[in-house]
């Protein structure tokens, strides 16, 4: 051992232990946690919050909802079939994050409640995100969902989507659907959310929006929807194509779809009014494109929501107005609006060619018809809204991988507040929630990194202690 100036021995291991501990500490602080990883269903948008403006007007018969939000450009193509060397390839399956090259439509959705789902008025859409949701880490397997006696065998589903808490006996288990009699009783009592769903590609061109409801699943209203699938699985080709006698083309071109070239007054969609049976003997060219969705006039309760005027993108903004009867006459599918009524709504926007959970959502807002509320519906003097009233400004947030089972668990510090009925607004704002949601995307890697950091810190302290201990032992006479 060598002597220092004070006559104490210093371990030669100090020169090795200290740099090694410091190197380990540095390694555990490296980058790589906050990175998009589509294999893990992770894609963080460039902006965690976005603005939305809303106006509501009504008369005795109809209610109008107007939505306006910024978007750098509009995406109206959705789910296309491209011909290449004798094979029809699909482009537009629900992407992880944006799918700017393969066609995915912009959308606006709205959940509505009349007070029958009290948790919704306090926590909004968070209550609809249960266990096993698609694109979440604990996603339910398709085969398991198909085998489920209700979701698979009765509803014919292969994934888990929005559902309400009381439709499950165990909030941590998507499989625990309550029995059929209880589901029916819940729906008849109004325990469901009305879901309005406007789609830039699959409904807007024919002036409609889709009408759904959320109970034990995200269900469609009774009747026929505004689109169907244009695919002949047996022959691996479309069922229908453009009628050249009606529109002068057999197909769209891939270069237009990929570059997002479209004309609101032109054709970027296929509808039954100008569709004919697919001709396999036509001289199809590489790059020919036929939409995989055939638009059609919806029927029944599912046809209740219409587009009012022209829903279009211009000058960096979408401007969409939807209209529906105050009372659709379908109380098991829709919430009825009434004078002096007060309702809760939550709005979401998909923009930048995103699908599934890569959207922006609002916290719940109250809506009043002649009553005080966050959003005041304007009473019309005539039959058409003039939109002379003020906009309501709403902030939407990216919610990340946050679900209801997490929020009511011990892992959430605010679970006690939820149990006591404290609303989300009393504890958080939209920006905070967006950051929390982003953190949950990386909860596993962040937790692992903190564990490594803790270990390296303890190793550093232990190494320094062991290395310095000899320096504090007194030298005896005769020591060299």
Protein backbone atom coordinates (compact mmCIF):
# COMPACT_ATOMS: atom_id res chain seq x y z
CA UNK A 1 0.00 0.00 0.00
CA UNK A 2 1.17 3.49 -0.81
CA UNK A 3 1.16 6.28 1.80
CA UNK A 4 -0.61 9.60 1.26
CA UNK A 5 0.71 12.84 2.64
CA UNK A 6 -1.09 12.34 5.93
CA UNK A 7 0.41 8.93 6.38
CA UNK A 8 -2.76 6.98 5.58
CA UNK A 9 -2.86 4.11 3.14
CA UNK A 10 -5.03 4.51 0.00
CA UNK A 11 -6.34 1.36 -1.70
CA UNK A 12 -5.17 0.97 -5.29
CA UNK A 13 -8.71 -0.30 -6.04
CA UNK A 14 -9.95 3.27 -5.70
CA UNK A 15 -8.62 4.06 -9.17
CA UNK A 16 -10.71 1.17 -10.55
CA UNK A 17 -13.85 1.18 -8.38
CA UNK A 18 -14.66 4.87 -8.71
CA UNK A 19 -14.45 5.07 -12.53
CA UNK A 20 -16.38 1.79 -12.84
CA UNK A 21 -19.19 3.05 -10.62
CA UNK A 22 -19.30 6.36 -12.44
CA UNK A 23 -19.42 4.56 -15.80
CA UNK A 24 -22.34 2.41 -14.65
CA UNK A 25 -24.19 5.46 -13.36
CA UNK A 26 -23.67 7.25 -16.66
CA UNK A 27 -24.86 4.22 -18.64
CA UNK A 28 -28.13 4.07 -16.75
CA UNK A 29 -28.77 7.75 -17.49
CA UNK A 30 -28.44 7.33 -21.27
CA UNK A 31 -31.08 8.16 -23.85
CA UNK A 32 -33.48 5.67 -25.42
CA UNK A 33 -36.49 5.62 -23.07
CA UNK A 34 -38.54 8.34 -24.76
CA UNK A 35 -38.46 6.95 -28.28
CA UNK A 36 -41.26 5.87 -30.59
CA UNK A 37 -41.44 2.11 -30.92
CA UNK A 38 -44.20 0.79 -33.16
CA UNK A 39 -43.41 -2.78 -32.12
CA UNK A 40 -44.59 -1.76 -28.65
CA UNK A 41 -47.51 0.30 -30.05
CA UNK A 42 -45.80 3.53 -29.00
CA UNK A 43 -45.93 6.72 -31.01
CA UNK A 44 -46.01 10.09 -29.28
CA UNK A 45 -47.48 12.96 -31.33
CA UNK A 46 -45.43 16.09 -31.88
CA UNK A 47 -48.03 18.07 -29.92
CA UNK A 48 -49.54 16.70 -26.72
CA UNK A 49 -52.48 19.12 -26.68
CA UNK A 50 -54.53 20.81 -29.40
CA UNK A 51 -57.39 23.34 -29.56
CA UNK A 52 -60.98 22.67 -30.58
CA UNK A 53 -63.87 25.09 -30.95
CA UNK A 54 -67.50 24.05 -30.48
CA UNK A 55 -70.90 25.62 -31.03
CA UNK A 56 -74.32 24.07 -30.42
CA UNK A 57 -77.70 25.27 -31.67
CA UNK A 58 -81.18 23.77 -31.55
CA UNK A 59 -84.86 24.24 -32.22
CA UNK A 60 -87.88 22.13 -31.31
CA UNK A 61 -86.95 19.41 -33.75
CA UNK A 62 -83.19 19.31 -34.34
CA UNK A 63 -79.85 19.92 -32.69
CA UNK A 64 -76.69 21.11 -34.49
CA UNK A 65 -73.12 20.57 -33.33
CA UNK A 66 -70.35 22.51 -35.03
CA UNK A 67 -66.69 21.53 -34.54
CA UNK A 68 -63.63 23.42 -35.77
CA UNK A 69 -60.03 22.31 -35.29
CA UNK A 70 -56.61 23.00 -36.83
CA UNK A 71 -54.92 20.50 -39.14
CA UNK A 72 -51.94 21.11 -41.39
CA UNK A 73 -53.75 19.22 -44.11
CA UNK A 74 -56.80 17.03 -44.48
CA UNK A 75 -56.68 13.27 -44.84
CA UNK A 76 -59.74 11.85 -46.57
CA UNK A 77 -58.54 8.60 -48.09
CA UNK A 78 -59.23 5.48 -46.09
CA UNK A 79 -58.44 1.82 -46.64
CA UNK A 80 -57.38 1.41 -50.27
CA UNK A 81 -56.67 -1.61 -52.51
CA UNK A 82 -53.68 -1.13 -54.82
CA UNK A 83 -53.06 -3.34 -57.84
CA UNK A 84 -49.47 -4.44 -58.39
CA UNK A 85 -48.33 -7.30 -60.66
CA UNK A 86 -51.60 -9.19 -60.49
CA UNK A 87 -52.16 -8.78 -56.74
CA UNK A 88 -54.46 -6.38 -54.85
CA UNK A 89 -52.62 -5.03 -51.79
CA UNK A 90 -54.40 -3.40 -48.85
CA UNK A 91 -53.31 0.03 -47.56
CA UNK A 92 -54.98 1.62 -44.56
CA UNK A 93 -55.32 -0.89 -41.73
CA UNK A 94 -55.44 0.90 -38.38
CA UNK A 95 -51.90 2.25 -37.94
CA UNK A 96 -49.65 2.83 -34.94
CA UNK A 97 -49.44 6.60 -34.93
CA UNK A 98 -49.80 8.47 -38.24
CA UNK A 99 -49.94 6.63 -41.55
CA UNK A 100 -49.18 9.46 -43.94
CA UNK A 101 -48.27 7.15 -46.81
CA UNK A 102 -50.95 4.48 -46.63
CA UNK A 103 -54.23 6.38 -46.30
CA UNK A 104 -56.11 6.95 -43.06
CA UNK A 105 -58.97 9.39 -42.63
CA UNK A 106 -59.48 12.29 -40.21
CA UNK A 107 -62.36 11.95 -37.75
CA UNK A 108 -64.30 13.66 -34.98
CA UNK A 109 -66.25 11.71 -32.36
CA UNK A 110 -68.47 12.74 -29.47
CA UNK A 111 -69.73 10.82 -26.45
CA UNK A 112 -73.03 12.01 -24.95
CA UNK A 113 -74.70 11.19 -21.64
CA UNK A 114 -77.86 12.39 -19.93
CA UNK A 115 -76.69 11.70 -16.38
CA UNK A 116 -77.32 7.96 -16.48
CA UNK A 117 -73.57 7.27 -16.40
CA UNK A 118 -72.50 9.57 -13.54
CA UNK A 119 -68.79 8.64 -13.70
CA UNK A 120 -68.67 10.01 -17.24
CA UNK A 121 -69.50 13.54 -16.08
CA UNK A 122 -66.55 13.39 -13.66
CA UNK A 123 -63.92 11.49 -15.63
CA UNK A 124 -65.02 11.53 -19.25
CA UNK A 125 -63.76 8.96 -21.71
CA UNK A 126 -61.27 7.51 -19.24
CA UNK A 127 -64.06 5.32 -17.86
CA UNK A 128 -64.49 3.64 -21.27
CA UNK A 129 -60.89 2.41 -21.43
CA UNK A 130 -60.83 -0.96 -19.70
CA UNK A 131 -58.44 -3.88 -19.59
CA UNK A 132 -57.39 -5.77 -22.70
CA UNK A 133 -57.92 -2.82 -25.05
CA UNK A 134 -56.34 -3.10 -28.47
CA UNK A 135 -52.97 -1.35 -28.86
CA UNK A 136 -52.37 -1.52 -25.10
CA UNK A 137 -49.66 -3.66 -23.47
CA UNK A 138 -52.23 -6.09 -22.03
CA UNK A 139 -54.12 -6.39 -25.33
CA UNK A 140 -56.51 -9.33 -25.46
CA UNK A 141 -55.72 -12.02 -28.01
CA UNK A 142 -58.03 -12.23 -31.03
CA UNK A 143 -58.66 -15.96 -30.59
CA UNK A 144 -59.53 -15.48 -26.92
CA UNK A 145 -62.01 -12.71 -27.74
CA UNK A 146 -63.62 -14.80 -30.50
CA UNK A 147 -64.08 -17.63 -28.01
CA UNK A 148 -65.71 -15.38 -25.41
CA UNK A 149 -69.39 -16.37 -25.01
CA UNK A 150 -70.66 -12.79 -25.33
CA UNK A 151 -68.05 -10.67 -27.10
CA UNK A 152 -67.10 -13.40 -29.57
CA UNK A 153 -70.00 -15.78 -29.96
CA UNK A 154 -72.84 -13.25 -29.53
CA UNK A 155 -71.34 -10.03 -30.90
CA UNK A 156 -68.85 -11.62 -33.31
CA UNK A 157 -65.90 -9.51 -32.13
CA UNK A 158 -62.20 -10.28 -32.19
CA UNK A 159 -60.83 -7.39 -30.09
CA UNK A 160 -61.70 -5.33 -27.03
CA UNK A 161 -62.86 -1.74 -27.52
CA UNK A 162 -64.60 0.87 -25.39
CA UNK A 163 -66.82 -0.41 -22.58
CA UNK A 164 -68.37 0.91 -19.36
CA UNK A 165 -67.22 -0.16 -15.88
CA UNK A 166 -70.51 -1.63 -14.66
CA UNK A 167 -70.59 -4.05 -17.58
CA UNK A 168 -67.74 -5.99 -15.91
CA UNK A 169 -67.63 -7.71 -12.53
CA UNK A 170 -63.84 -7.30 -12.34
CA UNK A 171 -62.33 -4.05 -13.62
CA UNK A 172 -59.01 -5.79 -14.23
CA UNK A 173 -60.53 -8.49 -16.44
CA UNK A 174 -62.20 -7.66 -19.76
CA UNK A 175 -63.61 -11.21 -19.81
CA UNK A 176 -65.86 -10.64 -16.78
CA UNK A 177 -68.88 -9.38 -18.73
CA UNK A 178 -72.07 -9.37 -16.66
CA UNK A 179 -74.91 -11.64 -17.76
CA UNK A 180 -77.21 -10.86 -20.67
CA UNK A 181 -80.19 -9.97 -18.49
CA UNK A 182 -78.18 -7.38 -16.56
CA UNK A 183 -76.76 -5.90 -19.78
CA UNK A 184 -80.30 -5.47 -21.12
CA UNK A 185 -81.48 -3.89 -17.86
CA UNK A 186 -78.53 -1.48 -17.87
CA UNK A 187 -79.28 -0.36 -21.42
CA UNK A 188 -82.98 0.09 -20.74
CA UNK A 189 -82.07 2.20 -17.69
CA UNK A 190 -79.93 4.44 -19.89
CA UNK A 191 -76.56 3.09 -18.75
CA UNK A 192 -74.84 3.63 -22.09
CA UNK A 193 -73.08 6.48 -23.90
CA UNK A 194 -74.32 7.82 -27.24
CA UNK A 195 -71.41 7.92 -29.70
CA UNK A 196 -71.41 10.26 -32.72
CA UNK A 197 -68.75 9.37 -35.29
CA UNK A 198 -67.96 11.55 -38.31
CA UNK A 199 -65.43 10.13 -40.76
CA UNK A 200 -63.76 12.18 -43.50
CA UNK A 201 -63.55 9.21 -45.86
CA UNK A 202 -66.22 6.69 -44.86
CA UNK A 203 -69.21 8.95 -44.18
CA UNK A 204 -68.62 12.61 -45.05
CA UNK A 205 -68.72 12.21 -48.87
CA UNK A 206 -72.36 11.08 -48.66
CA UNK A 207 -73.29 13.66 -46.03
CA UNK A 208 -73.59 11.32 -43.06
CA UNK A 209 -71.98 10.43 -39.74
CA UNK A 210 -72.04 7.05 -38.04
CA UNK A 211 -74.20 6.48 -34.96
CA UNK A 212 -72.96 4.12 -32.23
CA UNK A 213 -73.36 3.50 -28.51
CA UNK A 214 -71.01 2.29 -25.78
CA UNK A 215 -72.12 -0.31 -23.27
CA UNK A 216 -70.26 -3.58 -22.87
CA UNK A 217 -68.62 -2.81 -26.23
CA UNK A 218 -68.58 -0.07 -28.82
CA UNK A 219 -71.78 -1.10 -30.57
CA UNK A 220 -73.51 0.22 -33.68
CA UNK A 221 -77.07 1.50 -33.62
CA UNK A 222 -79.73 -0.67 -35.22
CA UNK A 223 -79.86 -0.55 -39.01
CA UNK A 224 -77.42 -0.36 -41.89
CA UNK A 225 -74.18 1.60 -41.71
CA UNK A 226 -72.84 4.16 -44.19
CA UNK A 227 -70.17 1.81 -45.56
CA UNK A 228 -69.41 -1.84 -46.16
CA UNK A 229 -66.27 -3.78 -47.02
CA UNK A 230 -65.38 -3.99 -50.70
CA UNK A 231 -63.44 -7.24 -50.69
CA UNK A 232 -63.99 -10.68 -52.20
CA UNK A 233 -61.93 -12.84 -49.89
CA UNK A 234 -62.40 -16.02 -51.87
CA UNK A 235 -60.92 -14.49 -55.02
CA UNK A 236 -58.65 -11.93 -53.30
CA UNK A 237 -59.99 -8.95 -55.22
CA UNK A 238 -62.57 -6.14 -54.86
CA UNK A 239 -66.28 -6.81 -55.16
CA UNK A 240 -66.98 -3.49 -56.87
CA UNK A 241 -65.19 -0.93 -58.98
CA UNK A 242 -65.93 2.51 -60.43
CA UNK A 243 -68.51 2.59 -63.20
CA UNK A 244 -66.63 4.14 -66.15
CA UNK A 245 -69.89 5.08 -67.86
CA UNK A 246 -70.88 7.16 -64.84
CA UNK A 247 -67.55 8.68 -63.75
CA UNK A 248 -65.14 8.03 -66.67
CA UNK A 249 -62.66 5.99 -64.62
CA UNK A 250 -62.19 2.39 -63.57
CA UNK A 251 -59.92 3.21 -60.63
CA UNK A 252 -58.03 5.89 -58.76
CA UNK A 253 -54.24 6.15 -58.99
CA UNK A 254 -51.81 5.31 -56.21
CA UNK A 255 -49.62 8.33 -56.84
CA UNK A 256 -52.60 10.57 -56.00
CA UNK A 257 -53.44 8.62 -52.84
CA UNK A 258 -49.84 8.48 -51.63
CA UNK A 259 -49.41 12.22 -52.23
CA UNK A 260 -52.81 12.94 -50.62
CA UNK A 261 -54.12 14.62 -53.77
CA UNK A 262 -57.89 14.96 -53.70
CA UNK A 263 -60.73 17.28 -54.64
CA UNK A 264 -63.72 17.66 -52.33
CA UNK A 265 -65.89 17.99 -55.43
CA UNK A 266 -64.17 15.08 -57.15
CA UNK A 267 -63.79 11.37 -56.48
CA UNK A 268 -61.65 10.08 -53.66
CA UNK A 269 -64.20 7.47 -52.57
CA UNK A 270 -66.44 4.75 -54.07
CA UNK A 271 -70.19 4.94 -53.51
CA UNK A 272 -73.00 2.63 -54.61
CA UNK A 273 -74.41 5.31 -56.94
CA UNK A 274 -71.44 4.89 -59.29
CA UNK A 275 -70.16 1.40 -58.47
CA UNK A 276 -70.51 -1.71 -60.62
CA UNK A 277 -69.47 -5.32 -60.17
CA UNK A 278 -65.72 -5.81 -60.37
CA UNK A 279 -64.42 -6.86 -63.78
CA UNK A 280 -61.41 -9.20 -63.38
CA UNK A 281 -60.83 -9.15 -67.17
CA UNK A 282 -60.22 -5.39 -67.30
CA UNK A 283 -56.68 -4.39 -68.24
CA UNK A 284 -55.64 -3.38 -64.72
CA UNK A 285 -52.44 -1.37 -64.45
CA UNK A 286 -49.87 -1.26 -61.65
CA UNK A 287 -50.86 1.58 -59.33
CA UNK A 288 -54.60 1.30 -59.95
CA UNK A 289 -56.50 1.85 -56.69
CA UNK A 290 -60.02 0.91 -55.65
CA UNK A 291 -61.33 1.89 -52.19
CA UNK A 292 -61.80 -1.06 -49.87
CA UNK A 293 -64.93 0.60 -48.51
CA UNK A 294 -68.13 1.04 -50.47
CA UNK A 295 -70.22 4.00 -49.28
CA UNK A 296 -73.99 3.61 -49.20
CA UNK A 297 -77.04 5.28 -47.75
CA UNK A 298 -77.42 4.19 -44.11
CA UNK A 299 -80.76 3.03 -42.77
CA UNK A 300 -82.60 2.79 -39.47
CA UNK A 301 -81.38 4.25 -36.20
CA UNK A 302 -77.81 4.21 -37.51
CA UNK A 303 -78.78 6.87 -40.08
CA UNK A 304 -79.81 9.46 -37.48
CA UNK A 305 -76.82 11.84 -37.79
CA UNK A 306 -76.30 13.91 -40.92
CA UNK A 307 -73.69 16.39 -42.09
CA UNK A 308 -75.14 19.88 -42.30
CA UNK A 309 -73.82 21.91 -45.21
CA UNK A 310 -70.32 21.17 -46.43
CA UNK A 311 -67.87 19.64 -43.96
CA UNK A 312 -64.54 20.66 -45.43
CA UNK A 313 -60.97 21.53 -44.67
CA UNK A 314 -59.78 25.00 -45.68
CA UNK A 315 -57.08 27.42 -44.56
CA UNK A 316 -55.60 24.96 -42.10
CA UNK A 317 -58.85 24.02 -40.33
CA UNK A 318 -61.59 21.42 -40.50
CA UNK A 319 -65.10 22.85 -40.06
CA UNK A 320 -67.72 20.15 -39.50
CA UNK A 321 -71.39 20.57 -38.55
CA UNK A 322 -73.57 17.59 -37.63
CA UNK A 323 -77.34 17.61 -37.19
CA UNK A 324 -79.68 15.12 -35.55
CA UNK A 325 -83.25 15.01 -34.28
CA UNK A 326 -83.61 16.14 -30.68
CA UNK A 327 -85.53 12.89 -30.13
CA UNK A 328 -84.65 10.12 -32.57
CA UNK A 329 -87.32 7.79 -31.23
CA UNK A 330 -84.63 5.19 -30.44
CA UNK A 331 -84.08 5.44 -26.67
CA UNK A 332 -81.98 2.26 -26.56
CA UNK A 333 -79.51 3.70 -29.09
CA UNK A 334 -79.53 7.48 -28.59
CA UNK A 335 -79.75 10.07 -25.85
CA UNK A 336 -82.76 12.34 -26.21
CA UNK A 337 -82.16 16.10 -25.98
CA UNK A 338 -84.84 18.21 -24.31
CA UNK A 339 -85.44 21.84 -23.48
CA UNK A 340 -84.04 22.56 -19.99
CA UNK A 341 -81.93 19.43 -20.26
CA UNK A 342 -78.33 19.26 -19.07
CA UNK A 343 -75.94 16.71 -20.54
CA UNK A 344 -72.31 15.65 -20.44
CA UNK A 345 -70.21 15.38 -23.57
CA UNK A 346 -66.66 14.39 -24.44
CA UNK A 347 -65.14 15.07 -27.86
CA UNK A 348 -62.17 13.45 -29.63
CA UNK A 349 -60.33 14.27 -32.86
CA UNK A 350 -58.21 12.07 -35.10
CA UNK A 351 -55.98 14.14 -37.37
CA UNK A 352 -52.71 13.68 -39.28
CA UNK A 353 -53.83 10.28 -40.65
CA UNK A 354 -54.06 8.59 -37.23
CA UNK A 355 -56.38 5.82 -36.09
CA UNK A 356 -57.33 3.85 -32.99
CA UNK A 357 -56.05 5.33 -29.70
CA UNK A 358 -53.78 7.91 -31.39
CA UNK A 359 -56.29 10.70 -31.02
CA UNK A 360 -56.83 13.79 -28.89
CA UNK A 361 -59.62 13.76 -26.31
CA UNK A 362 -61.40 16.30 -24.15
CA UNK A 363 -62.30 16.17 -20.51
CA UNK A 364 -66.06 16.07 -19.92
CA UNK A 365 -68.03 19.26 -20.54
CA UNK A 366 -71.60 19.99 -19.52
CA UNK A 367 -74.06 21.06 -22.21
CA UNK A 368 -77.19 23.04 -21.38
CA UNK A 369 -80.41 23.57 -23.35
CA UNK A 370 -81.74 26.70 -21.71
CA UNK A 371 -79.76 25.87 -18.57
CA UNK A 372 -76.41 27.04 -17.28
CA UNK A 373 -73.57 24.77 -18.38
CA UNK A 374 -70.02 24.80 -19.75
CA UNK A 375 -71.47 24.92 -23.27
CA UNK A 376 -74.67 26.86 -23.86
CA UNK A 377 -76.79 25.59 -26.76
CA UNK A 378 -78.18 28.51 -28.76
CA UNK A 379 -81.94 28.51 -29.26
CA UNK A 380 -82.80 29.08 -32.93
CA UNK A 381 -85.40 31.56 -34.07
CA UNK A 382 -85.71 29.81 -37.42
CA UNK A 383 -84.85 26.43 -38.84
CA UNK A 384 -81.18 27.12 -39.67
CA UNK A 385 -78.35 28.11 -37.29
CA UNK A 386 -76.64 31.43 -38.06
CA UNK A 387 -73.84 30.72 -35.56
CA UNK A 388 -73.95 34.25 -34.22
CA UNK A 389 -73.14 33.01 -30.73
CA UNK A 390 -69.68 32.60 -29.27
CA UNK A 391 -67.46 29.58 -29.70
CA UNK A 392 -66.59 27.43 -26.70
CA UNK A 393 -62.84 26.85 -26.67
CA UNK A 394 -61.80 23.37 -25.61
CA UNK A 395 -58.34 21.89 -25.10
CA UNK A 396 -57.87 18.33 -26.28
CA UNK A 397 -55.06 16.13 -24.96
CA UNK A 398 -53.22 13.01 -26.03
CA UNK A 399 -54.28 10.45 -23.37
CA UNK A 400 -51.53 7.86 -23.78
CA UNK A 401 -51.86 4.39 -22.26
CA UNK A 402 -54.02 5.29 -19.28
CA UNK A 403 -56.98 3.04 -18.53
CA UNK A 404 -59.71 2.88 -15.91
CA UNK A 405 -58.30 -0.14 -14.01
CA UNK A 406 -55.05 1.79 -13.51
CA UNK A 407 -56.82 4.95 -12.32
CA UNK A 408 -58.79 3.15 -9.62
CA UNK A 409 -55.85 1.01 -8.48
CA UNK A 410 -53.30 1.56 -5.71
CA UNK A 411 -50.76 2.42 -8.42
CA UNK A 412 -52.60 5.73 -8.93
CA UNK A 413 -52.16 8.28 -6.15
CA UNK A 414 -55.55 9.77 -6.99
CA UNK A 415 -57.51 6.53 -6.69
CA UNK A 416 -58.86 7.65 -3.31
CA UNK A 417 -60.13 10.88 -4.86
CA UNK A 418 -61.93 8.87 -7.55
CA UNK A 419 -63.48 6.63 -4.89
CA UNK A 420 -64.75 9.77 -3.17
CA UNK A 421 -66.18 11.13 -6.42
CA UNK A 422 -63.73 14.00 -6.91
CA UNK A 423 -63.77 15.04 -10.56
CA UNK A 424 -60.68 14.97 -12.75
CA UNK A 425 -60.86 18.75 -13.24
CA UNK A 426 -60.44 19.29 -9.51
CA UNK A 427 -57.01 17.66 -9.61
CA UNK A 428 -55.60 18.01 -13.11
CA UNK A 429 -55.58 20.14 -16.21
CA UNK A 430 -55.23 18.93 -19.78
CA UNK A 431 -51.51 19.61 -20.08
CA UNK A 432 -50.73 17.67 -16.90
CA UNK A 433 -52.81 14.73 -18.06
CA UNK A 434 -51.08 14.69 -21.44
CA UNK A 435 -47.68 14.43 -19.76
CA UNK A 436 -48.94 11.72 -17.43
CA UNK A 437 -50.29 9.84 -20.44
CA UNK A 438 -46.96 10.09 -22.22
CA UNK A 439 -45.16 8.83 -19.11
CA UNK A 440 -47.44 5.79 -19.03
CA UNK A 441 -46.38 4.95 -22.59
CA UNK A 442 -42.88 4.41 -21.22
CA UNK A 443 -43.75 3.17 -17.76
CA UNK A 444 -41.89 -0.11 -18.17
CA UNK A 445 -38.63 1.33 -19.55
CA UNK A 446 -38.74 4.27 -17.13
CA UNK A 447 -39.22 1.94 -14.15
CA UNK A 448 -36.37 -0.26 -15.36
CA UNK A 449 -34.12 2.78 -15.83
CA UNK A 450 -34.90 4.03 -12.32
CA UNK A 451 -34.04 0.59 -10.96
CA UNK A 452 -30.69 0.66 -12.73
CA UNK A 453 -30.08 4.19 -11.51
CA UNK A 454 -30.80 3.17 -7.93
CA UNK A 455 -28.54 0.13 -8.22
CA UNK A 456 -25.70 2.14 -9.79
CA UNK A 457 -25.98 4.81 -7.09
CA UNK A 458 -25.73 2.20 -4.34
CA UNK A 459 -22.83 0.57 -6.16
CA UNK A 460 -21.09 3.94 -6.42
CA UNK A 461 -21.48 4.61 -2.71
CA UNK A 462 -20.35 1.09 -1.78
CA UNK A 463 -17.33 1.28 -4.09
CA UNK A 464 -16.25 4.64 -2.74
CA UNK A 465 -16.68 3.45 0.85
CA UNK A 466 -14.65 0.30 0.33
CA UNK A 467 -11.97 2.17 -1.59
CA UNK A 468 -11.60 4.91 1.01
CA UNK A 469 -11.74 2.78 4.16
CA UNK A 470 -7.98 2.06 4.17
CA UNK A 471 -7.26 5.79 4.07
CA UNK A 472 -8.84 6.18 7.48
CA UNK A 473 -6.98 3.36 9.19
CA UNK A 474 -3.95 4.72 11.18
CA UNK A 475 -0.48 3.58 10.12
CA UNK A 476 1.59 1.72 12.71
CA UNK A 477 5.26 2.36 13.22
CA UNK A 478 7.23 0.26 10.87
CA UNK A 479 4.59 0.18 8.11
CA UNK A 480 6.01 0.65 4.68
